[in-house]
Amino acid sequence: MTPLGKNEALDRHVLVMACWLAAALPAAILFDYGFGRGGAPYILAGFAAVLAGFVAHVIVNVVYGTGFSPRELGLGLVIYGFALVLFVILSLVSASFAARNFVPVSIGFIATGAVIVFYLVTRFGARQAFDAFDVIRDFRAGDRDRTSPPGDGR
């Protein structure tokens, strides 16, 4: 991956924002109507719109020869985690919400996670995708560097 120039980076950013805006507005409308009167098909369609935004972002990354920036990864993780925690809390607090929406929202979260794992495996391979999350090995390597004397062989 070659670093982008200032104008190319700005073009990529604008294109990514346009893709997410085009996906987020329909997703918000579908979620609002689905949680209100629409039911499961609209909730699932909202998740499909979010996944369409993710696919569009991946396509932009491929075209520009880049990957996800740390800020994009952080924002995505925070939004996904916040939505998941909110869903669990609402399911525990409101029996009517859980009865109507538990299955479609669970399917949506599982599908979103599966699409992300599929992307990681196809982009990096199974081994490298797992190594990105293997922080225990990083800690062990750091401990060896600090505790073993030179020439210890560990």
N, C-alpha and C. Protein backbone atom coordinates (compact mmCIF):
# COMPACT_ATOMS: atom_id res chain seq x y z
N MET A 1 0.84 -1.18 0.00
CA MET A 1 0.00 0.00 0.00
C MET A 1 0.88 1.24 0.00
N THR A 2 0.70 2.03 -0.99
CA THR A 2 1.46 3.27 -1.06
C THR A 2 0.68 4.37 -0.33
N PRO A 3 1.41 5.25 0.34
CA PRO A 3 0.71 6.34 1.03
C PRO A 3 0.03 7.27 0.01
N LEU A 4 -1.12 7.74 0.40
CA LEU A 4 -1.88 8.62 -0.47
C LEU A 4 -1.39 10.05 -0.32
N GLY A 5 -1.45 10.79 -1.43
CA GLY A 5 -1.16 12.21 -1.36
C GLY A 5 -2.30 12.93 -0.64
N LYS A 6 -2.10 14.21 -0.39
CA LYS A 6 -3.09 14.98 0.36
C LYS A 6 -4.44 15.00 -0.36
N ASN A 7 -4.43 15.23 -1.67
CA ASN A 7 -5.69 15.27 -2.42
C ASN A 7 -6.34 13.90 -2.54
N GLU A 8 -5.53 12.86 -2.74
CA GLU A 8 -6.08 11.51 -2.81
C GLU A 8 -6.70 11.09 -1.48
N ALA A 9 -6.05 11.42 -0.38
CA ALA A 9 -6.58 11.09 0.94
C ALA A 9 -7.90 11.82 1.18
N LEU A 10 -7.97 13.08 0.76
CA LEU A 10 -9.21 13.84 0.90
C LEU A 10 -10.31 13.25 0.02
N ASP A 11 -9.95 12.87 -1.22
CA ASP A 11 -10.93 12.24 -2.11
C ASP A 11 -11.46 10.94 -1.51
N ARG A 12 -10.56 10.12 -0.95
CA ARG A 12 -10.98 8.86 -0.33
C ARG A 12 -11.91 9.12 0.84
N HIS A 13 -11.55 10.10 1.67
CA HIS A 13 -12.37 10.42 2.84
C HIS A 13 -13.78 10.87 2.42
N VAL A 14 -13.85 11.72 1.43
CA VAL A 14 -15.15 12.20 0.95
C VAL A 14 -15.97 11.05 0.37
N LEU A 15 -15.32 10.17 -0.37
CA LEU A 15 -16.03 9.03 -0.95
C LEU A 15 -16.53 8.07 0.12
N VAL A 16 -15.71 7.83 1.14
CA VAL A 16 -16.14 6.96 2.24
C VAL A 16 -17.33 7.58 2.97
N MET A 17 -17.25 8.88 3.24
CA MET A 17 -18.36 9.56 3.92
C MET A 17 -19.63 9.52 3.08
N ALA A 18 -19.50 9.67 1.77
CA ALA A 18 -20.67 9.61 0.89
C ALA A 18 -21.28 8.21 0.90
N CYS A 19 -20.44 7.19 0.90
CA CYS A 19 -20.95 5.81 0.94
C CYS A 19 -21.71 5.56 2.24
N TRP A 20 -21.12 5.99 3.37
CA TRP A 20 -21.78 5.75 4.65
C TRP A 20 -23.04 6.60 4.81
N LEU A 21 -23.03 7.80 4.28
CA LEU A 21 -24.23 8.63 4.35
C LEU A 21 -25.35 8.00 3.54
N ALA A 22 -25.00 7.48 2.36
CA ALA A 22 -26.01 6.84 1.51
C ALA A 22 -26.55 5.56 2.15
N ALA A 23 -25.78 4.92 3.01
CA ALA A 23 -26.25 3.70 3.68
C ALA A 23 -26.91 4.01 5.03
N ALA A 24 -26.40 5.02 5.74
CA ALA A 24 -26.86 5.27 7.10
C ALA A 24 -28.26 5.87 7.15
N LEU A 25 -28.58 6.75 6.23
CA LEU A 25 -29.92 7.35 6.26
C LEU A 25 -31.02 6.32 6.03
N PRO A 26 -30.92 5.48 5.00
CA PRO A 26 -31.95 4.43 4.86
C PRO A 26 -31.95 3.46 6.04
N ALA A 27 -30.76 3.15 6.57
CA ALA A 27 -30.70 2.24 7.72
C ALA A 27 -31.42 2.83 8.92
N ALA A 28 -31.20 4.11 9.19
CA ALA A 28 -31.87 4.76 10.33
C ALA A 28 -33.38 4.77 10.14
N ILE A 29 -33.83 5.05 8.93
CA ILE A 29 -35.28 5.06 8.66
C ILE A 29 -35.86 3.66 8.82
N LEU A 30 -35.16 2.66 8.29
CA LEU A 30 -35.65 1.27 8.40
C LEU A 30 -35.67 0.81 9.85
N PHE A 31 -34.62 1.13 10.61
CA PHE A 31 -34.60 0.75 12.03
C PHE A 31 -35.73 1.44 12.79
N ASP A 32 -35.94 2.72 12.54
CA ASP A 32 -36.99 3.45 13.23
C ASP A 32 -38.36 2.84 12.95
N TYR A 33 -38.63 2.59 11.70
CA TYR A 33 -39.92 2.01 11.36
C TYR A 33 -40.01 0.55 11.83
N GLY A 34 -38.91 -0.18 11.75
CA GLY A 34 -38.92 -1.58 12.17
C GLY A 34 -39.15 -1.75 13.66
N PHE A 35 -38.52 -0.89 14.47
CA PHE A 35 -38.72 -0.98 15.92
C PHE A 35 -40.09 -0.44 16.32
N GLY A 36 -40.67 0.39 15.47
CA GLY A 36 -42.00 0.93 15.76
C GLY A 36 -43.09 -0.04 15.35
N ARG A 37 -43.54 0.06 14.10
CA ARG A 37 -44.65 -0.77 13.63
C ARG A 37 -44.26 -1.81 12.60
N GLY A 38 -43.11 -1.63 11.94
CA GLY A 38 -42.77 -2.46 10.79
C GLY A 38 -42.42 -3.89 11.11
N GLY A 39 -41.69 -4.11 12.16
CA GLY A 39 -41.33 -5.46 12.54
C GLY A 39 -40.02 -5.95 11.93
N ALA A 40 -39.88 -7.26 11.95
CA ALA A 40 -38.63 -7.93 11.61
C ALA A 40 -38.12 -7.63 10.20
N PRO A 41 -38.95 -7.61 9.16
CA PRO A 41 -38.39 -7.37 7.83
C PRO A 41 -37.68 -6.02 7.71
N TYR A 42 -38.19 -5.01 8.36
CA TYR A 42 -37.58 -3.69 8.28
C TYR A 42 -36.30 -3.61 9.12
N ILE A 43 -36.27 -4.30 10.24
CA ILE A 43 -35.06 -4.35 11.05
C ILE A 43 -33.95 -5.05 10.27
N LEU A 44 -34.27 -6.18 9.66
CA LEU A 44 -33.27 -6.90 8.86
C LEU A 44 -32.82 -6.07 7.66
N ALA A 45 -33.75 -5.33 7.06
CA ALA A 45 -33.38 -4.46 5.94
C ALA A 45 -32.46 -3.33 6.43
N GLY A 46 -32.65 -2.86 7.66
CA GLY A 46 -31.74 -1.86 8.23
C GLY A 46 -30.33 -2.41 8.38
N PHE A 47 -30.22 -3.65 8.86
CA PHE A 47 -28.90 -4.27 8.95
C PHE A 47 -28.31 -4.49 7.56
N ALA A 48 -29.14 -4.82 6.59
CA ALA A 48 -28.65 -4.98 5.21
C ALA A 48 -28.10 -3.66 4.68
N ALA A 49 -28.73 -2.55 5.02
CA ALA A 49 -28.23 -1.24 4.59
C ALA A 49 -26.89 -0.93 5.24
N VAL A 50 -26.73 -1.29 6.50
CA VAL A 50 -25.44 -1.09 7.19
C VAL A 50 -24.36 -1.94 6.52
N LEU A 51 -24.70 -3.19 6.20
CA LEU A 51 -23.73 -4.06 5.53
C LEU A 51 -23.40 -3.55 4.13
N ALA A 52 -24.36 -2.94 3.46
CA ALA A 52 -24.09 -2.34 2.15
C ALA A 52 -23.11 -1.19 2.28
N GLY A 53 -23.22 -0.40 3.34
CA GLY A 53 -22.26 0.65 3.60
C GLY A 53 -20.87 0.10 3.86
N PHE A 54 -20.78 -1.01 4.59
CA PHE A 54 -19.49 -1.65 4.86
C PHE A 54 -18.87 -2.16 3.56
N VAL A 55 -19.67 -2.80 2.72
CA VAL A 55 -19.16 -3.31 1.44
C VAL A 55 -18.69 -2.14 0.55
N ALA A 56 -19.44 -1.05 0.54
CA ALA A 56 -19.02 0.12 -0.23
C ALA A 56 -17.71 0.67 0.28
N HIS A 57 -17.52 0.68 1.61
CA HIS A 57 -16.27 1.16 2.20
C HIS A 57 -15.11 0.24 1.80
N VAL A 58 -15.35 -1.06 1.80
CA VAL A 58 -14.31 -2.01 1.38
C VAL A 58 -13.94 -1.77 -0.08
N ILE A 59 -14.93 -1.52 -0.93
CA ILE A 59 -14.66 -1.26 -2.34
C ILE A 59 -13.82 0.01 -2.51
N VAL A 60 -14.13 1.05 -1.75
CA VAL A 60 -13.33 2.28 -1.80
C VAL A 60 -11.90 1.99 -1.36
N ASN A 61 -11.73 1.18 -0.32
CA ASN A 61 -10.38 0.82 0.14
C ASN A 61 -9.61 0.08 -0.95
N VAL A 62 -10.28 -0.82 -1.66
CA VAL A 62 -9.62 -1.56 -2.74
C VAL A 62 -9.23 -0.62 -3.87
N VAL A 63 -10.12 0.26 -4.25
CA VAL A 63 -9.84 1.19 -5.35
C VAL A 63 -8.65 2.09 -5.02
N TYR A 64 -8.57 2.57 -3.79
CA TYR A 64 -7.49 3.46 -3.40
C TYR A 64 -6.26 2.72 -2.87
N GLY A 65 -6.34 1.39 -2.77
CA GLY A 65 -5.21 0.61 -2.29
C GLY A 65 -4.88 0.86 -0.84
N THR A 66 -5.90 1.10 -0.02
CA THR A 66 -5.69 1.36 1.40
C THR A 66 -6.46 0.33 2.21
N GLY A 67 -6.34 0.43 3.50
CA GLY A 67 -7.12 -0.37 4.42
C GLY A 67 -7.93 0.56 5.30
N PHE A 68 -8.54 0.00 6.31
CA PHE A 68 -9.27 0.81 7.27
C PHE A 68 -8.28 1.55 8.15
N SER A 69 -8.53 2.83 8.38
CA SER A 69 -7.65 3.61 9.25
C SER A 69 -7.95 3.24 10.70
N PRO A 70 -7.02 3.50 11.62
CA PRO A 70 -7.28 3.22 13.04
C PRO A 70 -8.52 3.95 13.56
N ARG A 71 -8.74 5.16 13.08
CA ARG A 71 -9.94 5.90 13.53
C ARG A 71 -11.21 5.23 13.02
N GLU A 72 -11.19 4.75 11.79
CA GLU A 72 -12.36 4.06 11.25
C GLU A 72 -12.63 2.77 12.00
N LEU A 73 -11.56 2.02 12.31
CA LEU A 73 -11.72 0.79 13.08
C LEU A 73 -12.27 1.08 14.47
N GLY A 74 -11.73 2.10 15.12
CA GLY A 74 -12.20 2.46 16.45
C GLY A 74 -13.66 2.90 16.45
N LEU A 75 -14.02 3.73 15.49
CA LEU A 75 -15.40 4.20 15.41
C LEU A 75 -16.35 3.03 15.17
N GLY A 76 -15.99 2.14 14.26
CA GLY A 76 -16.84 0.98 13.98
C GLY A 76 -17.00 0.08 15.20
N LEU A 77 -15.90 -0.15 15.91
CA LEU A 77 -15.95 -0.99 17.10
C LEU A 77 -16.79 -0.36 18.20
N VAL A 78 -16.65 0.94 18.40
CA VAL A 78 -17.44 1.64 19.43
C VAL A 78 -18.92 1.60 19.08
N ILE A 79 -19.26 1.87 17.83
CA ILE A 79 -20.67 1.86 17.44
C ILE A 79 -21.27 0.46 17.58
N TYR A 80 -20.54 -0.55 17.11
CA TYR A 80 -21.03 -1.93 17.21
C TYR A 80 -21.19 -2.34 18.68
N GLY A 81 -20.19 -2.05 19.49
CA GLY A 81 -20.25 -2.40 20.91
C GLY A 81 -21.36 -1.65 21.64
N PHE A 82 -21.50 -0.36 21.37
CA PHE A 82 -22.55 0.43 22.01
C PHE A 82 -23.94 -0.10 21.63
N ALA A 83 -24.13 -0.39 20.35
CA ALA A 83 -25.42 -0.92 19.90
C ALA A 83 -25.71 -2.27 20.53
N LEU A 84 -24.69 -3.11 20.64
CA LEU A 84 -24.88 -4.43 21.25
C LEU A 84 -25.23 -4.32 22.73
N VAL A 85 -24.53 -3.47 23.45
CA VAL A 85 -24.83 -3.28 24.87
C VAL A 85 -26.23 -2.69 25.05
N LEU A 86 -26.59 -1.71 24.24
CA LEU A 86 -27.92 -1.12 24.30
C LEU A 86 -28.99 -2.16 24.02
N PHE A 87 -28.76 -3.01 23.05
CA PHE A 87 -29.71 -4.07 22.72
C PHE A 87 -29.88 -5.03 23.90
N VAL A 88 -28.80 -5.42 24.53
CA VAL A 88 -28.89 -6.34 25.68
C VAL A 88 -29.65 -5.67 26.82
N ILE A 89 -29.35 -4.42 27.10
CA ILE A 89 -30.03 -3.71 28.19
C ILE A 89 -31.52 -3.58 27.90
N LEU A 90 -31.86 -3.17 26.67
CA LEU A 90 -33.27 -3.04 26.32
C LEU A 90 -34.00 -4.38 26.38
N SER A 91 -33.33 -5.44 25.99
CA SER A 91 -33.95 -6.77 26.04
C SER A 91 -34.20 -7.21 27.47
N LEU A 92 -33.31 -6.84 28.39
CA LEU A 92 -33.49 -7.21 29.79
C LEU A 92 -34.53 -6.35 30.49
N VAL A 93 -34.62 -5.09 30.11
CA VAL A 93 -35.52 -4.15 30.78
C VAL A 93 -36.95 -4.24 30.26
N SER A 94 -37.10 -4.38 28.95
CA SER A 94 -38.42 -4.34 28.35
C SER A 94 -38.78 -5.70 27.75
N ALA A 95 -39.74 -6.35 28.35
CA ALA A 95 -40.17 -7.67 27.86
C ALA A 95 -40.84 -7.56 26.49
N SER A 96 -41.58 -6.46 26.26
CA SER A 96 -42.25 -6.32 24.96
C SER A 96 -41.23 -6.08 23.84
N PHE A 97 -40.17 -5.31 24.14
CA PHE A 97 -39.12 -5.11 23.14
C PHE A 97 -38.43 -6.43 22.82
N ALA A 98 -38.12 -7.19 23.85
CA ALA A 98 -37.45 -8.47 23.64
C ALA A 98 -38.33 -9.45 22.87
N ALA A 99 -39.62 -9.47 23.17
CA ALA A 99 -40.51 -10.41 22.49
C ALA A 99 -40.64 -10.09 21.00
N ARG A 100 -40.67 -8.80 20.65
CA ARG A 100 -40.86 -8.42 19.25
C ARG A 100 -39.57 -8.38 18.45
N ASN A 101 -38.46 -8.01 19.09
CA ASN A 101 -37.27 -7.66 18.32
C ASN A 101 -36.05 -8.52 18.58
N PHE A 102 -36.10 -9.45 19.52
CA PHE A 102 -34.89 -10.19 19.88
C PHE A 102 -34.32 -11.00 18.72
N VAL A 103 -35.16 -11.75 18.04
CA VAL A 103 -34.68 -12.61 16.95
C VAL A 103 -34.13 -11.81 15.78
N PRO A 104 -34.85 -10.82 15.23
CA PRO A 104 -34.28 -10.12 14.08
C PRO A 104 -33.02 -9.32 14.41
N VAL A 105 -32.96 -8.71 15.58
CA VAL A 105 -31.78 -7.94 15.94
C VAL A 105 -30.60 -8.88 16.19
N SER A 106 -30.85 -10.02 16.82
CA SER A 106 -29.79 -11.01 17.02
C SER A 106 -29.25 -11.51 15.69
N ILE A 107 -30.14 -11.79 14.76
CA ILE A 107 -29.71 -12.23 13.42
C ILE A 107 -28.88 -11.13 12.76
N GLY A 108 -29.30 -9.88 12.91
CA GLY A 108 -28.55 -8.77 12.33
C GLY A 108 -27.16 -8.63 12.91
N PHE A 109 -27.02 -8.72 14.24
CA PHE A 109 -25.70 -8.62 14.85
C PHE A 109 -24.82 -9.80 14.46
N ILE A 110 -25.39 -10.99 14.42
CA ILE A 110 -24.61 -12.17 14.02
C ILE A 110 -24.16 -12.04 12.56
N ALA A 111 -25.06 -11.60 11.69
CA ALA A 111 -24.70 -11.43 10.28
C ALA A 111 -23.62 -10.37 10.11
N THR A 112 -23.72 -9.29 10.85
CA THR A 112 -22.70 -8.24 10.77
C THR A 112 -21.35 -8.77 11.22
N GLY A 113 -21.32 -9.48 12.32
CA GLY A 113 -20.07 -10.08 12.79
C GLY A 113 -19.52 -11.09 11.79
N ALA A 114 -20.40 -11.89 11.19
CA ALA A 114 -19.95 -12.89 10.21
C ALA A 114 -19.36 -12.22 8.97
N VAL A 115 -19.97 -11.13 8.52
CA VAL A 115 -19.44 -10.42 7.35
C VAL A 115 -18.07 -9.84 7.67
N ILE A 116 -17.88 -9.32 8.86
CA ILE A 116 -16.58 -8.75 9.23
C ILE A 116 -15.52 -9.84 9.32
N VAL A 117 -15.86 -10.98 9.92
CA VAL A 117 -14.92 -12.09 9.99
C VAL A 117 -14.59 -12.60 8.58
N PHE A 118 -15.60 -12.70 7.72
CA PHE A 118 -15.38 -13.12 6.33
C PHE A 118 -14.43 -12.16 5.64
N TYR A 119 -14.62 -10.86 5.84
CA TYR A 119 -13.72 -9.87 5.25
C TYR A 119 -12.30 -10.06 5.75
N LEU A 120 -12.13 -10.23 7.06
CA LEU A 120 -10.80 -10.39 7.63
C LEU A 120 -10.09 -11.63 7.09
N VAL A 121 -10.83 -12.73 6.98
CA VAL A 121 -10.23 -13.98 6.51
C VAL A 121 -9.88 -13.88 5.03
N THR A 122 -10.75 -13.30 4.22
CA THR A 122 -10.44 -13.19 2.80
C THR A 122 -9.37 -12.15 2.52
N ARG A 123 -9.27 -11.14 3.33
CA ARG A 123 -8.28 -10.08 3.10
C ARG A 123 -6.91 -10.46 3.62
N PHE A 124 -6.84 -11.06 4.81
CA PHE A 124 -5.56 -11.33 5.45
C PHE A 124 -5.23 -12.81 5.56
N GLY A 125 -6.18 -13.71 5.35
CA GLY A 125 -5.97 -15.12 5.59
C GLY A 125 -6.32 -15.44 7.03
N ALA A 126 -6.64 -16.70 7.28
CA ALA A 126 -7.11 -17.09 8.62
C ALA A 126 -6.04 -16.87 9.68
N ARG A 127 -4.80 -17.22 9.39
CA ARG A 127 -3.73 -17.10 10.38
C ARG A 127 -3.46 -15.65 10.74
N GLN A 128 -3.30 -14.80 9.75
CA GLN A 128 -2.99 -13.39 10.02
C GLN A 128 -4.17 -12.66 10.65
N ALA A 129 -5.41 -13.04 10.28
CA ALA A 129 -6.58 -12.42 10.89
C ALA A 129 -6.65 -12.78 12.37
N PHE A 130 -6.32 -14.02 12.73
CA PHE A 130 -6.31 -14.41 14.14
C PHE A 130 -5.16 -13.72 14.88
N ASP A 131 -4.00 -13.64 14.24
CA ASP A 131 -2.84 -13.01 14.89
C ASP A 131 -3.09 -11.55 15.24
N ALA A 132 -3.96 -10.89 14.49
CA ALA A 132 -4.27 -9.49 14.79
C ALA A 132 -4.95 -9.36 16.15
N PHE A 133 -5.66 -10.40 16.59
CA PHE A 133 -6.36 -10.37 17.87
C PHE A 133 -5.64 -11.13 18.97
N ASP A 134 -4.51 -11.72 18.68
CA ASP A 134 -3.78 -12.55 19.64
C ASP A 134 -2.84 -11.67 20.47
N VAL A 135 -3.42 -10.98 21.44
CA VAL A 135 -2.63 -10.07 22.27
C VAL A 135 -1.84 -10.81 23.33
N ILE A 136 -2.22 -12.03 23.65
CA ILE A 136 -1.49 -12.79 24.67
C ILE A 136 -0.07 -13.05 24.21
N ARG A 137 0.10 -13.39 22.93
CA ARG A 137 1.44 -13.62 22.40
C ARG A 137 2.27 -12.35 22.49
N ASP A 138 1.66 -11.20 22.22
CA ASP A 138 2.39 -9.94 22.31
C ASP A 138 2.86 -9.68 23.73
N PHE A 139 2.02 -9.99 24.72
CA PHE A 139 2.41 -9.79 26.11
C PHE A 139 3.53 -10.74 26.49
N ARG A 140 3.44 -11.99 26.06
CA ARG A 140 4.49 -12.95 26.37
C ARG A 140 5.81 -12.52 25.75
N ALA A 141 5.78 -12.05 24.53
CA ALA A 141 7.01 -11.60 23.87
C ALA A 141 7.59 -10.41 24.62
N GLY A 142 6.74 -9.51 25.09
CA GLY A 142 7.21 -8.36 25.86
C GLY A 142 7.81 -8.77 27.18
N ASP A 143 7.22 -9.78 27.85
CA ASP A 143 7.76 -10.25 29.12
C ASP A 143 9.12 -10.90 28.92
N ARG A 144 9.29 -11.66 27.86
CA ARG A 144 10.58 -12.30 27.59
C ARG A 144 11.66 -11.25 27.35
N ASP A 145 11.29 -10.19 26.66
CA ASP A 145 12.28 -9.16 26.37
C ASP A 145 12.75 -8.47 27.65
N ARG A 146 11.86 -8.32 28.62
CA ARG A 146 12.23 -7.60 29.84
C ARG A 146 12.88 -8.48 30.88
N THR A 147 12.51 -9.78 30.96
CA THR A 147 12.97 -10.61 32.07
C THR A 147 14.13 -11.50 31.75
N SER A 148 14.31 -11.88 30.51
CA SER A 148 15.39 -12.84 30.22
C SER A 148 16.69 -12.09 29.95
N PRO A 149 17.76 -12.58 30.55
CA PRO A 149 19.05 -11.95 30.31
C PRO A 149 19.54 -12.23 28.89
N PRO A 150 20.43 -11.42 28.39
CA PRO A 150 20.96 -11.66 27.04
C PRO A 150 21.62 -13.03 26.96
N GLY A 151 21.37 -13.73 25.85
CA GLY A 151 21.95 -15.05 25.64
C GLY A 151 21.23 -16.15 26.37
N ASP A 152 20.05 -15.87 26.93
CA ASP A 152 19.29 -16.89 27.68
C ASP A 152 18.72 -17.94 26.74
N GLY A 153 18.45 -17.60 25.50
CA GLY A 153 17.94 -18.57 24.54
C GLY A 153 16.43 -18.71 24.52
N ARG A 154 15.74 -17.90 25.27
CA ARG A 154 14.28 -18.01 25.26
C ARG A 154 13.70 -17.22 24.13
